[in-house]
N, C-alpha and C. Protein backbone atom coordinates (compact mmCIF):
# COMPACT_ATOMS: atom_id res chain seq x y z
N GLN A 1 65.83 43.57 64.12
CA GLN A 1 65.23 41.97 63.78
C GLN A 1 63.89 41.70 64.86
N VAL A 2 63.94 42.08 66.24
CA VAL A 2 62.81 41.81 66.91
C VAL A 2 61.90 43.08 66.54
N GLN A 3 60.55 42.61 66.32
CA GLN A 3 59.37 43.51 66.06
C GLN A 3 58.40 43.28 67.17
N LEU A 4 57.53 44.34 67.58
CA LEU A 4 56.53 44.01 68.53
C LEU A 4 55.23 45.08 67.81
N VAL A 5 54.16 44.22 67.97
CA VAL A 5 53.03 44.71 67.39
C VAL A 5 51.73 44.81 68.51
N GLU A 6 51.41 45.91 69.08
CA GLU A 6 50.24 46.12 69.61
C GLU A 6 48.77 45.90 68.87
N SER A 7 47.68 45.43 69.65
CA SER A 7 46.59 45.24 69.16
C SER A 7 45.59 45.66 70.32
N GLY A 8 44.23 45.70 70.13
CA GLY A 8 43.40 45.77 71.24
C GLY A 8 43.02 47.13 71.70
N GLY A 9 43.40 48.24 70.94
CA GLY A 9 43.19 49.46 71.68
C GLY A 9 41.74 49.82 71.05
N GLY A 10 41.22 51.10 71.54
CA GLY A 10 40.08 51.31 70.77
C GLY A 10 39.10 52.40 72.08
N LEU A 11 38.15 52.65 71.86
CA LEU A 11 37.13 53.39 72.60
C LEU A 11 36.36 52.67 73.70
N VAL A 12 36.58 52.85 74.74
CA VAL A 12 35.81 52.18 75.90
C VAL A 12 35.10 53.16 76.84
N GLN A 13 33.98 52.84 77.55
CA GLN A 13 33.22 53.83 78.56
C GLN A 13 34.30 53.43 79.90
N ALA A 14 33.93 54.56 80.53
CA ALA A 14 34.62 54.49 82.03
C ALA A 14 34.01 53.27 82.61
N GLY A 15 34.83 52.70 83.53
CA GLY A 15 34.24 51.65 84.18
C GLY A 15 34.43 50.14 83.48
N GLY A 16 34.60 50.16 82.28
CA GLY A 16 34.49 49.13 81.35
C GLY A 16 35.88 48.46 81.08
N SER A 17 36.19 47.33 80.52
CA SER A 17 37.66 46.94 80.17
C SER A 17 38.15 46.77 78.77
N LEU A 18 39.42 46.51 78.45
CA LEU A 18 39.67 46.31 77.51
C LEU A 18 41.25 45.33 77.59
N ALA A 19 41.49 44.60 76.86
CA ALA A 19 42.41 43.71 76.58
C ALA A 19 43.66 44.01 75.38
N LEU A 20 44.58 44.43 75.84
CA LEU A 20 45.83 44.89 75.08
C LEU A 20 46.59 43.46 74.52
N SER A 21 46.93 43.40 73.35
CA SER A 21 47.97 42.26 72.96
C SER A 21 49.14 42.75 72.44
N CYS A 22 50.42 42.31 72.44
CA CYS A 22 51.85 42.63 71.69
C CYS A 22 52.28 41.51 71.40
N ALA A 23 52.36 40.96 70.06
CA ALA A 23 53.02 40.07 69.54
C ALA A 23 54.36 40.23 69.18
N ALA A 24 55.14 39.32 69.58
CA ALA A 24 56.64 39.64 69.20
C ALA A 24 57.13 38.84 68.08
N SER A 25 58.06 39.08 67.20
CA SER A 25 58.57 38.29 66.21
C SER A 25 59.98 37.37 66.91
N GLY A 26 60.27 36.62 66.10
CA GLY A 26 61.65 35.95 66.64
C GLY A 26 61.40 34.93 67.33
N ARG A 27 62.56 33.87 67.58
CA ARG A 27 62.46 32.68 68.38
C ARG A 27 62.80 32.62 69.75
N THR A 28 63.15 33.96 70.43
CA THR A 28 63.73 34.07 71.78
C THR A 28 62.93 34.60 72.71
N PHE A 29 61.83 34.86 72.33
CA PHE A 29 60.77 35.61 73.33
C PHE A 29 60.98 35.36 74.76
N SER A 30 61.31 33.97 75.10
CA SER A 30 61.27 33.74 76.43
C SER A 30 62.66 34.14 77.25
N MET A 31 63.57 34.71 76.39
CA MET A 31 64.57 35.48 76.97
C MET A 31 64.38 36.84 77.22
N TYR A 32 63.28 37.41 77.19
CA TYR A 32 63.14 38.91 77.09
C TYR A 32 62.03 39.31 78.07
N ALA A 33 62.44 40.17 79.09
CA ALA A 33 61.52 40.69 80.09
C ALA A 33 60.99 41.61 79.30
N MET A 34 59.18 41.99 79.54
CA MET A 34 58.52 42.70 78.81
C MET A 34 57.64 43.73 79.60
N GLY A 35 57.61 44.81 78.99
CA GLY A 35 56.57 45.94 79.73
C GLY A 35 55.85 46.75 78.92
N TRP A 36 54.81 47.33 79.46
CA TRP A 36 53.85 48.24 78.95
C TRP A 36 54.13 49.59 79.56
N PHE A 37 53.93 50.74 78.57
CA PHE A 37 54.14 51.86 78.71
C PHE A 37 53.16 52.63 78.19
N ARG A 38 52.70 53.82 78.65
CA ARG A 38 51.58 54.73 78.06
C ARG A 38 52.12 56.13 77.92
N GLN A 39 51.39 57.02 77.03
CA GLN A 39 52.09 58.10 77.15
C GLN A 39 50.83 59.20 76.36
N VAL A 40 50.64 60.18 76.76
CA VAL A 40 49.79 61.41 76.78
C VAL A 40 50.56 62.69 76.16
N PRO A 41 49.85 63.37 75.40
CA PRO A 41 50.56 64.53 74.90
C PRO A 41 50.96 65.56 76.12
N GLY A 42 52.16 65.98 75.94
CA GLY A 42 53.01 66.82 76.89
C GLY A 42 53.19 66.32 78.01
N LYS A 43 53.07 64.98 78.06
CA LYS A 43 53.76 63.94 79.41
C LYS A 43 54.79 62.93 78.80
N GLU A 44 55.79 62.53 79.92
CA GLU A 44 56.79 61.60 79.55
C GLU A 44 56.05 60.32 79.44
N ARG A 45 56.42 59.59 78.69
CA ARG A 45 56.19 58.16 78.53
C ARG A 45 56.42 57.42 79.83
N GLU A 46 55.34 56.68 80.64
CA GLU A 46 55.41 56.33 81.72
C GLU A 46 55.08 54.93 81.76
N SER A 47 55.88 54.12 82.87
CA SER A 47 55.76 52.75 82.85
C SER A 47 54.23 52.11 83.36
N VAL A 48 53.78 51.50 82.71
CA VAL A 48 52.30 51.05 83.29
C VAL A 48 52.71 49.68 84.03
N ALA A 49 53.11 48.75 83.36
CA ALA A 49 53.37 47.43 84.06
C ALA A 49 54.55 46.68 83.35
N ALA A 50 55.05 45.59 84.08
CA ALA A 50 56.46 45.04 83.68
C ALA A 50 56.03 43.47 84.27
N ILE A 51 56.71 42.71 83.23
CA ILE A 51 56.70 41.33 83.87
C ILE A 51 57.86 40.59 83.31
N SER A 52 58.80 39.47 84.41
CA SER A 52 59.95 39.18 83.96
C SER A 52 59.72 37.92 82.83
N ARG A 53 60.93 37.23 82.62
CA ARG A 53 60.85 36.45 81.54
C ARG A 53 59.63 34.88 82.08
N ASN A 54 59.99 34.63 83.11
CA ASN A 54 59.35 33.33 83.84
C ASN A 54 57.87 33.57 84.37
N SER A 55 57.49 34.88 84.37
CA SER A 55 55.96 35.42 84.85
C SER A 55 56.01 35.40 86.27
N ILE A 56 57.05 35.15 87.01
CA ILE A 56 57.24 35.01 88.25
C ILE A 56 57.17 36.55 89.08
N SER A 57 57.58 37.53 88.44
CA SER A 57 57.82 39.01 89.04
C SER A 57 56.84 39.62 88.04
N THR A 58 56.54 40.71 88.78
CA THR A 58 55.49 41.58 88.03
C THR A 58 55.62 42.99 88.69
N TYR A 59 55.34 43.92 87.95
CA TYR A 59 55.38 45.36 88.30
C TYR A 59 54.18 46.06 87.89
N TYR A 60 53.65 47.03 88.82
CA TYR A 60 52.43 48.03 87.98
C TYR A 60 52.78 49.40 88.78
N THR A 61 52.53 50.31 87.95
CA THR A 61 52.32 51.67 88.63
C THR A 61 51.34 51.92 89.44
N GLU A 62 51.58 52.85 90.47
CA GLU A 62 50.14 52.78 91.32
C GLU A 62 49.12 52.95 91.06
N SER A 63 48.81 53.89 90.04
CA SER A 63 47.75 54.27 89.47
C SER A 63 46.79 53.06 88.76
N VAL A 64 47.43 52.21 88.58
CA VAL A 64 46.75 51.07 87.95
C VAL A 64 46.57 49.73 88.73
N LYS A 65 47.30 49.94 89.86
CA LYS A 65 47.19 48.52 90.90
C LYS A 65 45.91 48.20 91.16
N GLY A 66 45.49 46.86 91.15
CA GLY A 66 44.13 46.40 91.15
C GLY A 66 43.34 46.56 90.25
N ARG A 67 43.55 47.22 88.95
CA ARG A 67 42.66 47.24 87.75
C ARG A 67 43.52 46.84 86.61
N PHE A 68 44.71 46.76 86.44
CA PHE A 68 45.28 46.12 85.38
C PHE A 68 46.04 44.90 85.73
N THR A 69 46.08 44.14 84.69
CA THR A 69 47.06 42.56 84.90
C THR A 69 47.83 42.44 83.53
N ILE A 70 48.99 42.45 83.88
CA ILE A 70 49.80 42.06 82.86
C ILE A 70 50.47 40.63 82.97
N SER A 71 50.35 39.81 81.72
CA SER A 71 50.73 38.36 81.56
C SER A 71 51.21 38.33 80.25
N ARG A 72 51.97 36.86 80.18
CA ARG A 72 52.48 36.47 78.77
C ARG A 72 52.42 35.10 78.70
N ASP A 73 52.36 34.70 77.42
CA ASP A 73 52.38 33.48 76.88
C ASP A 73 53.43 33.15 75.96
N ASN A 74 54.59 32.32 76.45
CA ASN A 74 55.90 32.38 75.90
C ASN A 74 55.52 31.40 74.69
N ALA A 75 54.89 30.54 74.61
CA ALA A 75 54.44 29.78 73.24
C ALA A 75 53.91 30.48 72.40
N LYS A 76 53.27 31.47 72.68
CA LYS A 76 52.88 32.13 71.57
C LYS A 76 53.38 33.68 71.27
N ASN A 77 54.45 33.69 71.88
CA ASN A 77 55.46 35.06 71.73
C ASN A 77 54.43 36.46 71.77
N THR A 78 53.60 36.29 73.06
CA THR A 78 52.95 37.37 73.43
C THR A 78 52.80 37.68 74.82
N VAL A 79 52.51 39.17 74.95
CA VAL A 79 52.39 39.63 76.10
C VAL A 79 51.20 40.37 76.16
N TYR A 80 50.30 40.43 77.18
CA TYR A 80 48.97 41.02 77.33
C TYR A 80 49.05 42.15 78.35
N LEU A 81 48.05 42.79 78.25
CA LEU A 81 47.40 43.77 79.15
C LEU A 81 46.14 43.71 79.38
N GLN A 82 45.51 43.35 80.43
CA GLN A 82 43.99 43.15 80.87
C GLN A 82 43.53 44.40 81.62
N MET A 83 43.03 45.24 80.99
CA MET A 83 42.64 46.81 81.79
C MET A 83 41.21 46.74 82.01
N ASN A 84 40.97 46.80 83.40
CA ASN A 84 39.63 46.74 84.31
C ASN A 84 39.24 47.90 84.77
N SER A 85 38.05 48.11 84.72
CA SER A 85 37.77 49.43 85.56
C SER A 85 38.37 50.67 85.10
N VAL A 86 38.45 50.77 83.79
CA VAL A 86 39.31 51.71 83.19
C VAL A 86 38.51 53.24 83.52
N LYS A 87 39.52 54.23 83.53
CA LYS A 87 39.23 55.53 83.81
C LYS A 87 39.63 56.64 82.60
N PRO A 88 38.62 57.61 82.70
CA PRO A 88 39.12 58.59 81.60
C PRO A 88 40.95 58.94 81.56
N GLU A 89 41.53 59.02 82.87
CA GLU A 89 42.97 59.09 82.69
C GLU A 89 43.47 58.20 82.22
N ASP A 90 43.14 56.96 82.12
CA ASP A 90 43.74 55.79 81.20
C ASP A 90 43.97 56.12 79.91
N THR A 91 43.23 57.13 79.30
CA THR A 91 43.38 57.42 77.92
C THR A 91 44.91 57.82 77.47
N ALA A 92 45.35 56.90 76.55
CA ALA A 92 46.88 57.30 76.21
C ALA A 92 47.07 56.51 74.91
N VAL A 93 48.36 56.56 74.32
CA VAL A 93 48.68 55.56 73.61
C VAL A 93 49.44 54.56 74.47
N TYR A 94 49.24 53.09 74.18
CA TYR A 94 50.04 52.35 74.99
C TYR A 94 50.92 51.36 73.96
N TYR A 95 52.25 51.49 74.58
CA TYR A 95 53.42 50.90 73.97
C TYR A 95 53.67 49.61 74.64
N CYS A 96 54.08 48.41 74.06
CA CYS A 96 54.76 47.51 74.55
C CYS A 96 56.47 47.14 74.28
N ALA A 97 56.95 46.91 75.14
CA ALA A 97 58.89 46.85 75.04
C ALA A 97 59.22 45.82 75.41
N GLY A 98 60.40 45.46 74.78
CA GLY A 98 61.11 44.09 75.48
C GLY A 98 62.49 44.54 75.66
N LYS A 99 63.12 43.69 76.55
CA LYS A 99 64.58 43.59 77.12
C LYS A 99 65.10 42.39 77.28
N TYR A 100 65.96 42.00 76.49
CA TYR A 100 66.98 40.84 76.67
C TYR A 100 67.36 40.87 77.95
N SER A 101 67.21 39.58 78.76
CA SER A 101 67.40 39.52 79.99
C SER A 101 68.25 38.17 80.69
N VAL A 102 69.22 38.22 81.08
CA VAL A 102 69.62 37.08 81.45
C VAL A 102 69.29 36.44 82.75
N ILE A 103 68.48 37.39 83.44
CA ILE A 103 67.97 37.12 84.99
C ILE A 103 66.36 36.64 84.66
N PRO A 104 66.13 35.41 84.90
CA PRO A 104 64.85 34.80 84.59
C PRO A 104 63.57 35.67 85.54
N GLY A 105 63.98 36.39 86.46
CA GLY A 105 62.98 36.74 87.37
C GLY A 105 63.17 38.37 87.28
N GLY A 106 64.06 39.01 86.20
CA GLY A 106 64.17 40.16 86.43
C GLY A 106 62.93 40.89 85.71
N TYR A 107 62.74 42.19 85.96
CA TYR A 107 61.76 43.11 85.63
C TYR A 107 62.29 44.18 85.57
N TYR A 108 61.73 45.50 84.62
CA TYR A 108 62.39 46.66 84.27
C TYR A 108 61.14 47.84 84.09
N SER A 109 61.08 48.85 84.81
CA SER A 109 59.88 49.75 84.95
C SER A 109 60.75 51.04 84.45
N THR A 110 61.65 51.35 83.75
CA THR A 110 62.26 52.57 83.33
C THR A 110 62.40 52.56 81.57
N ARG A 111 62.02 53.42 80.92
CA ARG A 111 62.02 53.16 79.37
C ARG A 111 63.53 52.83 78.88
N ASP A 112 64.47 53.50 79.43
CA ASP A 112 66.06 53.34 79.02
C ASP A 112 66.38 51.99 79.09
N ALA A 113 65.62 50.79 79.66
CA ALA A 113 66.06 49.64 79.97
C ALA A 113 65.83 48.83 78.75
N TYR A 114 64.66 49.28 78.07
CA TYR A 114 64.18 48.47 77.01
C TYR A 114 64.99 48.72 75.58
N HIS A 115 65.03 47.62 74.98
CA HIS A 115 65.76 47.64 73.57
C HIS A 115 64.82 47.55 72.47
N TYR A 116 63.56 47.21 72.47
CA TYR A 116 62.43 47.10 71.53
C TYR A 116 61.18 47.77 71.85
N TRP A 117 60.71 48.42 71.18
CA TRP A 117 59.35 49.20 71.32
C TRP A 117 58.67 48.87 70.03
N GLY A 118 57.23 48.52 70.14
CA GLY A 118 56.28 48.57 69.55
C GLY A 118 55.61 50.30 69.14
N GLN A 119 54.78 50.24 67.97
CA GLN A 119 54.42 51.65 67.68
C GLN A 119 53.39 52.29 68.47
N GLY A 120 52.75 51.37 69.33
CA GLY A 120 51.56 51.71 69.98
C GLY A 120 50.08 51.54 69.58
N THR A 121 49.19 51.44 70.26
CA THR A 121 47.98 51.48 69.94
C THR A 121 47.11 52.59 71.07
N GLN A 122 46.07 53.01 70.63
CA GLN A 122 45.40 54.15 71.13
C GLN A 122 44.33 53.77 72.22
N VAL A 123 44.56 53.94 73.20
CA VAL A 123 43.18 53.87 74.12
C VAL A 123 42.34 54.92 74.53
N THR A 124 41.02 55.01 74.38
CA THR A 124 40.44 56.16 74.57
C THR A 124 39.36 55.80 75.71
N VAL A 125 39.25 56.61 76.87
CA VAL A 125 38.19 56.32 77.83
C VAL A 125 37.15 57.20 77.74
N SER A 126 35.99 57.13 77.64
CA SER A 126 35.01 57.96 77.69
C SER A 126 34.09 58.19 79.08
N SER A 127 33.88 59.39 79.65
CA SER A 127 33.08 59.36 80.89
C SER A 127 31.80 59.86 80.67
């Protein structure tokens, strides 16, 4: 029943910025912890960032700390990933994911924790 749709991917030069959005269906978005993952051919899908229901807690994988920012707007049923100072190694398909959580401050950085997934959006960083 819950659907997630990513948007905002595309081609960007190294050092530039992109803003990804993930729109969620349903009326209980505020009950879900959210995350962003990415995957390149031949590699496992990896966690990029995660955010709790109330935006108090966030997580970032080491390679994007200081460059990416995850945020959410519960009134708009949307989670965002602001990508600054992008690098060629950021090239991947980016997925958003949601997990129902009874813990307002809970966040999750492993793919098996999430119930719902979007279909992904391609981000390509040129050098």
